[in-house]
Amino acid sequence: MERKVLFEIKGLYRDDFRVTGFSFGGGEPALCIVGSMRGNENQQLYACSALINRLMELEQKGRIVENKKILVIPCANPYSVNIKKRFWSIDNTDINRMFPGYALGETTQRIAAGVFDVVKDYPYGIQFASFYMPGAFVPHVRMMKTGYEDVELAKQFGLPYVVLHDPRPFDTTTLNYNWQVWETQAFSVYTTNTVRVDKESANQAVEAILNFMSRQGLIRYHGYDGYVSQVIESDDFIPVRADAAGFFESFVKVGEKVRKGQLLASISDTYMGCVISELRAPVAGTVGFVRDEPMTYEDTAVLKLIRKEE
């Protein structure tokens, strides 16, 4: 293993900004994995650290295939992690909305350009991603529909779902989208949480990535076979919206099977404590997302269901 600073900006009032990478094997670039890009992505950072630990073990046992270089970047935004702020601390911009970056632009544009210059030549790219909504998601691998996506490759992770997403205008500035445009087979791996560390879900994602690496001939490894992935569109997530504001309590967990009409959650009045709304399943299926904040606004998507296949 080689630990190396890949990109650096001199700090004026604090320590220098550094993006650090850990490389395994050698020779031609084969696979790059990127962890947290936002300051609250503790789960994504933890998953990357667990992956680095496993790759160190595999390298010591000589199980990384010769002439194959694997690069892991656990964090592309250490400043925001240090102060527990989701976006860039100065102007609240999102690094993952700045790709492919601009070396002479604003700070987050320069960071994106510096990171992308390192990762753009890898034939496979994986990002530990998080969703903009606070809550827990069912583990899945997501791909942008750019015309370059390969669904069969995505199935080789062995995660429960492969989600295909039609990119919106602001998605064109994400790492995943630009990786694909530069002819990298790019995948976003979603574990259950963002702020909270879920070790079981993180280890499932690490095992899925090792599975994928083995099937691509990058490592000599045999893990669990995983799931036969169900391919769905991002629009197939059916939102269950709050019809009132108040304290939110969910009665179901991510991955749980529910029947149509089943009671999923309740909302209580913030002043009087009485239940003012009960949310029931509009369809039978699997719980794909559950909000984990204690309060909700009216019309907020607090749960999302994946419709049961007929």
Protein backbone atom coordinates (compact mmCIF):
# COMPACT_ATOMS: atom_id res chain seq x y z
CA MET A 1 0.00 0.00 0.00
CA GLU A 2 1.14 3.51 -0.78
CA ARG A 3 -0.33 6.55 0.99
CA LYS A 4 0.00 9.77 -1.00
CA VAL A 5 -1.35 13.34 -1.02
CA LEU A 6 -3.12 13.64 -4.38
CA PHE A 7 -4.21 17.27 -4.22
CA GLU A 8 -3.32 20.13 -1.88
CA ILE A 9 -4.27 23.76 -1.28
CA LYS A 10 -2.17 25.87 1.08
CA GLY A 11 -4.17 27.06 4.10
CA LEU A 12 -3.93 30.68 5.23
CA TYR A 13 -5.23 30.39 8.81
CA ARG A 14 -5.36 26.63 9.36
CA ASP A 15 -3.70 23.41 8.23
CA ASP A 16 -3.37 22.83 4.49
CA PHE A 17 -6.27 21.24 2.62
CA ARG A 18 -5.18 17.76 1.46
CA VAL A 19 -6.90 14.99 -0.45
CA THR A 20 -5.17 11.72 0.42
CA GLY A 21 -5.23 8.50 -1.58
CA PHE A 22 -4.30 4.90 -0.77
CA SER A 23 -3.11 2.80 -3.72
CA PHE A 24 -2.83 -0.97 -3.87
CA GLY A 25 -1.10 -3.12 -6.46
CA GLY A 26 0.60 -1.37 -9.33
CA GLY A 27 0.78 -0.94 -13.07
CA GLU A 28 -2.19 0.25 -15.08
CA PRO A 29 -5.11 2.09 -13.40
CA ALA A 30 -7.93 -0.41 -12.83
CA LEU A 31 -10.40 0.82 -10.21
CA CYS A 32 -10.89 4.01 -8.17
CA ILE A 33 -13.14 4.29 -5.11
CA VAL A 34 -14.10 7.68 -3.67
CA GLY A 35 -15.60 8.15 -0.21
CA SER A 36 -17.07 11.21 1.47
CA MET A 37 -17.30 14.53 -0.38
CA ARG A 38 -19.59 16.15 2.17
CA GLY A 39 -18.89 16.96 5.77
CA ASN A 40 -21.68 14.84 7.26
CA GLU A 41 -20.93 11.66 5.29
CA ASN A 42 -19.60 9.71 8.27
CA GLN A 43 -20.98 6.40 6.99
CA GLN A 44 -19.29 6.84 3.61
CA LEU A 45 -15.96 7.67 5.26
CA TYR A 46 -16.29 4.67 7.58
CA ALA A 47 -17.09 2.33 4.67
CA CYS A 48 -13.99 3.55 2.83
CA SER A 49 -11.81 2.98 5.88
CA ALA A 50 -13.20 -0.56 6.21
CA LEU A 51 -12.44 -1.19 2.52
CA ILE A 52 -8.87 0.08 2.90
CA ASN A 53 -8.40 -2.26 5.85
CA ARG A 54 -9.62 -5.25 3.82
CA LEU A 55 -7.45 -4.34 0.83
CA MET A 56 -4.39 -4.14 3.09
CA GLU A 57 -5.09 -7.70 4.23
CA LEU A 58 -5.56 -8.92 0.66
CA GLU A 59 -2.36 -7.22 -0.51
CA GLN A 60 -0.36 -8.81 2.31
CA LYS A 61 -1.66 -12.20 1.17
CA GLY A 62 -0.71 -11.49 -2.47
CA ARG A 63 -4.31 -11.53 -3.69
CA ILE A 64 -4.24 -8.35 -5.76
CA VAL A 65 -3.75 -9.25 -9.41
CA GLU A 66 -0.46 -8.17 -10.93
CA ASN A 67 -0.35 -4.97 -13.01
CA LYS A 68 -3.66 -3.74 -11.58
CA LYS A 69 -3.73 -0.50 -9.59
CA ILE A 70 -6.57 0.16 -7.14
CA LEU A 71 -6.91 3.66 -5.70
CA VAL A 72 -9.07 4.55 -2.69
CA ILE A 73 -9.75 8.19 -1.75
CA PRO A 74 -11.55 8.06 1.63
CA CYS A 75 -12.37 11.78 1.82
CA ALA A 76 -12.36 14.61 -0.72
CA ASN A 77 -13.52 17.29 1.73
CA PRO A 78 -11.69 17.00 5.08
CA TYR A 79 -12.28 20.67 5.98
CA SER A 80 -16.06 20.20 6.10
CA VAL A 81 -15.72 16.90 7.98
CA ASN A 82 -13.63 18.65 10.62
CA ILE A 83 -16.35 21.22 11.34
CA LYS A 84 -19.30 18.85 10.74
CA LYS A 85 -20.77 21.00 7.97
CA ARG A 86 -22.29 19.21 4.97
CA PHE A 87 -21.09 21.66 2.30
CA TRP A 88 -18.03 23.88 1.85
CA SER A 89 -17.63 26.02 4.95
CA ILE A 90 -17.10 29.39 3.23
CA ASP A 91 -19.79 29.62 0.53
CA ASN A 92 -21.93 26.49 1.20
CA THR A 93 -21.20 25.01 -2.25
CA ASP A 94 -21.26 21.27 -2.91
CA ILE A 95 -18.07 19.72 -4.34
CA ASN A 96 -20.18 16.98 -5.94
CA ARG A 97 -21.93 19.63 -8.02
CA MET A 98 -18.67 21.02 -9.42
CA PHE A 99 -17.32 18.28 -11.70
CA PRO A 100 -15.35 18.06 -13.91
CA GLY A 101 -14.10 21.19 -12.14
CA TYR A 102 -12.13 24.25 -13.18
CA ALA A 103 -8.51 24.65 -12.05
CA LEU A 104 -8.72 28.47 -12.13
CA GLY A 105 -12.19 28.78 -10.59
CA GLU A 106 -13.63 29.00 -7.09
CA THR A 107 -12.20 26.79 -4.35
CA THR A 108 -14.67 23.90 -4.73
CA GLN A 109 -14.24 24.02 -8.53
CA ARG A 110 -10.47 23.71 -8.07
CA ILE A 111 -10.90 20.81 -5.64
CA ALA A 112 -13.19 19.00 -8.08
CA ALA A 113 -10.71 19.61 -10.91
CA GLY A 114 -7.82 18.32 -8.81
CA VAL A 115 -9.70 15.16 -7.80
CA PHE A 116 -11.06 14.51 -11.29
CA ASP A 117 -7.63 14.86 -12.87
CA VAL A 118 -6.49 11.96 -10.66
CA VAL A 119 -9.51 9.66 -11.11
CA LYS A 120 -10.66 10.23 -14.72
CA ASP A 121 -8.41 7.62 -16.34
CA TYR A 122 -9.65 4.63 -14.34
CA PRO A 123 -11.86 2.22 -16.33
CA TYR A 124 -13.99 1.51 -13.23
CA GLY A 125 -15.12 4.07 -10.66
CA ILE A 126 -17.15 3.65 -7.47
CA GLN A 127 -18.43 6.40 -5.19
CA PHE A 128 -19.83 5.87 -1.70
CA ALA A 129 -22.72 8.29 -2.15
CA SER A 130 -25.37 9.81 0.09
CA PHE A 131 -28.86 11.12 -0.61
CA TYR A 132 -29.97 14.71 -0.09
CA MET A 133 -32.86 13.64 2.18
CA PRO A 134 -32.07 12.80 5.85
CA GLY A 135 -32.85 9.16 6.47
CA ALA A 136 -32.01 5.54 5.79
CA PHE A 137 -32.03 3.96 2.32
CA VAL A 138 -32.17 0.33 1.26
CA PRO A 139 -28.65 -0.68 0.10
CA HIS A 140 -28.34 -0.35 -3.67
CA VAL A 141 -26.03 0.58 -6.54
CA ARG A 142 -27.11 3.51 -8.70
CA MET A 143 -26.14 4.48 -12.24
CA MET A 144 -26.85 7.60 -14.27
CA LYS A 145 -28.57 6.92 -17.59
CA THR A 146 -26.00 8.59 -19.84
CA GLY A 147 -25.99 6.02 -22.64
CA TYR A 148 -22.75 4.56 -21.27
CA GLU A 149 -24.26 2.68 -18.32
CA ASP A 150 -23.88 -1.11 -18.10
CA VAL A 151 -26.66 -2.72 -16.04
CA GLU A 152 -25.14 -6.20 -16.17
CA LEU A 153 -21.94 -4.88 -14.61
CA ALA A 154 -23.94 -3.20 -11.84
CA LYS A 155 -25.60 -6.52 -11.00
CA GLN A 156 -22.17 -7.98 -10.22
CA PHE A 157 -22.04 -6.11 -6.91
CA GLY A 158 -24.74 -8.46 -5.61
CA LEU A 159 -26.68 -5.70 -3.83
CA PRO A 160 -30.49 -6.00 -3.54
CA TYR A 161 -31.25 -3.30 -6.12
CA VAL A 162 -29.74 -1.63 -9.17
CA VAL A 163 -31.31 1.81 -9.58
CA LEU A 164 -31.19 3.62 -12.93
CA HIS A 165 -31.53 7.39 -12.73
CA ASP A 166 -32.45 9.85 -15.48
CA PRO A 167 -30.03 12.74 -14.90
CA ARG A 168 -31.51 16.15 -14.22
CA PRO A 169 -29.59 19.29 -15.25
CA PHE A 170 -27.76 19.59 -11.91
CA ASP A 171 -26.79 15.90 -12.03
CA THR A 172 -24.50 16.63 -15.00
CA THR A 173 -21.98 18.21 -12.62
CA THR A 174 -21.64 15.13 -10.37
CA LEU A 175 -18.65 12.81 -10.25
CA ASN A 176 -20.72 9.81 -11.39
CA TYR A 177 -22.03 11.57 -14.52
CA ASN A 178 -18.66 12.98 -15.57
CA TRP A 179 -16.89 9.69 -14.92
CA GLN A 180 -19.27 8.05 -17.41
CA VAL A 181 -18.82 10.82 -19.99
CA TRP A 182 -15.04 10.24 -19.74
CA GLU A 183 -15.74 6.54 -20.48
CA THR A 184 -15.38 5.21 -16.95
CA GLN A 185 -17.91 2.58 -15.86
CA ALA A 186 -19.15 4.50 -12.81
CA PHE A 187 -21.32 3.31 -9.94
CA SER A 188 -22.70 5.01 -6.84
CA VAL A 189 -23.03 2.64 -3.88
CA TYR A 190 -25.63 3.62 -1.27
CA THR A 191 -25.58 2.15 2.21
CA THR A 192 -28.32 2.72 4.77
CA ASN A 193 -27.13 5.88 6.51
CA THR A 194 -25.17 9.10 6.11
CA VAL A 195 -24.55 10.81 9.46
CA ARG A 196 -24.84 7.68 11.61
CA VAL A 197 -22.39 4.81 11.16
CA ASP A 198 -24.09 1.49 10.37
CA LYS A 199 -21.31 -1.09 10.52
CA GLU A 200 -23.45 -3.92 9.15
CA SER A 201 -24.50 -1.92 6.10
CA ALA A 202 -20.96 -0.61 5.55
CA ASN A 203 -19.53 -4.13 5.66
CA GLN A 204 -22.20 -5.28 3.20
CA ALA A 205 -21.09 -2.54 0.80
CA VAL A 206 -17.41 -3.45 1.25
CA GLU A 207 -18.19 -7.10 0.57
CA ALA A 208 -20.17 -6.09 -2.54
CA ILE A 209 -17.22 -4.06 -3.87
CA LEU A 210 -14.79 -6.91 -3.22
CA ASN A 211 -17.22 -9.20 -5.03
CA PHE A 212 -17.26 -6.81 -7.99
CA MET A 213 -13.46 -6.54 -8.01
CA SER A 214 -13.11 -10.31 -8.00
CA ARG A 215 -15.50 -10.69 -10.93
CA GLN A 216 -13.54 -8.09 -12.91
CA GLY A 217 -10.30 -9.98 -12.34
CA LEU A 218 -8.70 -7.36 -10.08
CA ILE A 219 -8.32 -9.46 -6.92
CA ARG A 220 -8.28 -13.16 -6.10
CA TYR A 221 -11.13 -13.40 -3.66
CA HIS A 222 -14.28 -15.41 -3.07
CA GLY A 223 -16.87 -13.88 -0.79
CA TYR A 224 -20.61 -14.25 -0.54
CA ASP A 225 -22.64 -14.52 -3.73
CA GLY A 226 -24.97 -11.71 -2.73
CA TYR A 227 -28.43 -10.99 -4.13
CA VAL A 228 -29.87 -11.41 -7.58
CA SER A 229 -30.31 -7.66 -8.07
CA GLN A 230 -33.68 -6.23 -9.04
CA VAL A 231 -33.32 -3.44 -11.61
CA ILE A 232 -35.60 -0.47 -11.02
CA GLU A 233 -35.85 3.17 -12.09
CA SER A 234 -35.38 5.95 -9.53
CA ASP A 235 -38.95 7.03 -10.30
CA ASP A 236 -40.16 3.60 -9.12
CA PHE A 237 -39.67 4.74 -5.50
CA ILE A 238 -43.22 5.64 -4.42
CA PRO A 239 -43.19 8.52 -1.92
CA VAL A 240 -45.38 8.53 1.17
CA ARG A 241 -45.78 12.20 2.12
CA ALA A 242 -46.66 13.75 5.44
CA ASP A 243 -50.10 15.36 5.34
CA ALA A 244 -49.34 17.44 8.44
CA ALA A 245 -46.32 18.90 10.24
CA GLY A 246 -45.28 17.48 13.59
CA PHE A 247 -43.32 14.77 15.39
CA PHE A 248 -42.69 11.84 13.02
CA GLU A 249 -42.58 8.22 14.21
CA SER A 250 -41.99 5.33 11.82
CA PHE A 251 -43.23 1.82 12.60
CA VAL A 252 -41.25 0.13 9.81
CA LYS A 253 -37.58 -0.22 8.88
CA VAL A 254 -35.71 -0.05 5.60
CA GLY A 255 -35.91 -3.34 3.70
CA GLU A 256 -39.10 -4.44 5.46
CA LYS A 257 -41.91 -5.94 3.37
CA VAL A 258 -45.26 -4.21 3.78
CA ARG A 259 -48.78 -4.86 2.55
CA LYS A 260 -51.15 -2.33 1.01
CA GLY A 261 -52.96 -0.35 3.70
CA GLN A 262 -50.48 -1.25 6.45
CA LEU A 263 -49.82 1.44 9.06
CA LEU A 264 -46.34 2.79 8.40
CA ALA A 265 -45.97 5.87 10.57
CA SER A 266 -47.74 8.52 12.62
CA ILE A 267 -47.41 12.26 13.08
CA SER A 268 -48.13 13.90 16.44
CA ASP A 269 -49.00 17.49 17.26
CA THR A 270 -45.92 19.32 18.54
CA TYR A 271 -47.87 21.21 21.25
CA MET A 272 -50.48 18.71 22.45
CA GLY A 273 -48.81 15.36 21.74
CA CYS A 274 -51.88 13.75 20.18
CA VAL A 275 -51.67 11.79 16.92
CA ILE A 276 -52.95 13.98 14.08
CA SER A 277 -52.09 11.76 11.13
CA GLU A 278 -51.54 8.09 10.30
CA LEU A 279 -49.65 7.16 7.16
CA ARG A 280 -50.53 3.90 5.42
CA ALA A 281 -48.91 2.03 2.54
CA PRO A 282 -50.46 2.98 -0.82
CA VAL A 283 -49.10 -0.23 -2.37
CA ALA A 284 -47.58 -3.54 -1.30
CA GLY A 285 -43.82 -3.62 -1.53
CA THR A 286 -40.51 -3.02 0.23
CA VAL A 287 -39.61 -0.01 2.36
CA GLY A 288 -36.87 1.75 0.41
CA PHE A 289 -36.41 4.87 2.50
CA VAL A 290 -37.34 6.06 6.00
CA ARG A 291 -36.81 9.59 7.28
CA ASP A 292 -34.76 9.61 10.48
CA GLU A 293 -35.41 13.17 11.67
CA PRO A 294 -37.78 13.49 14.66
CA MET A 295 -39.92 16.18 13.03
CA THR A 296 -41.36 16.69 9.56
CA TYR A 297 -42.98 19.42 7.52
CA GLU A 298 -46.23 18.95 5.68
CA ASP A 299 -45.90 17.36 2.21
CA THR A 300 -42.40 16.03 2.96
CA ALA A 301 -41.60 12.54 1.64
CA VAL A 302 -41.05 10.68 4.91
CA LEU A 303 -41.03 7.16 3.42
CA LYS A 304 -40.50 5.64 0.00
CA LEU A 305 -41.73 2.23 -1.13
CA ILE A 306 -40.53 -0.06 -3.89
CA ARG A 307 -43.62 -1.62 -5.42
CA LYS A 308 -43.87 -5.40 -5.16
CA GLU A 309 -43.23 -7.13 -8.47
CA GLU A 310 -46.35 -8.80 -9.86
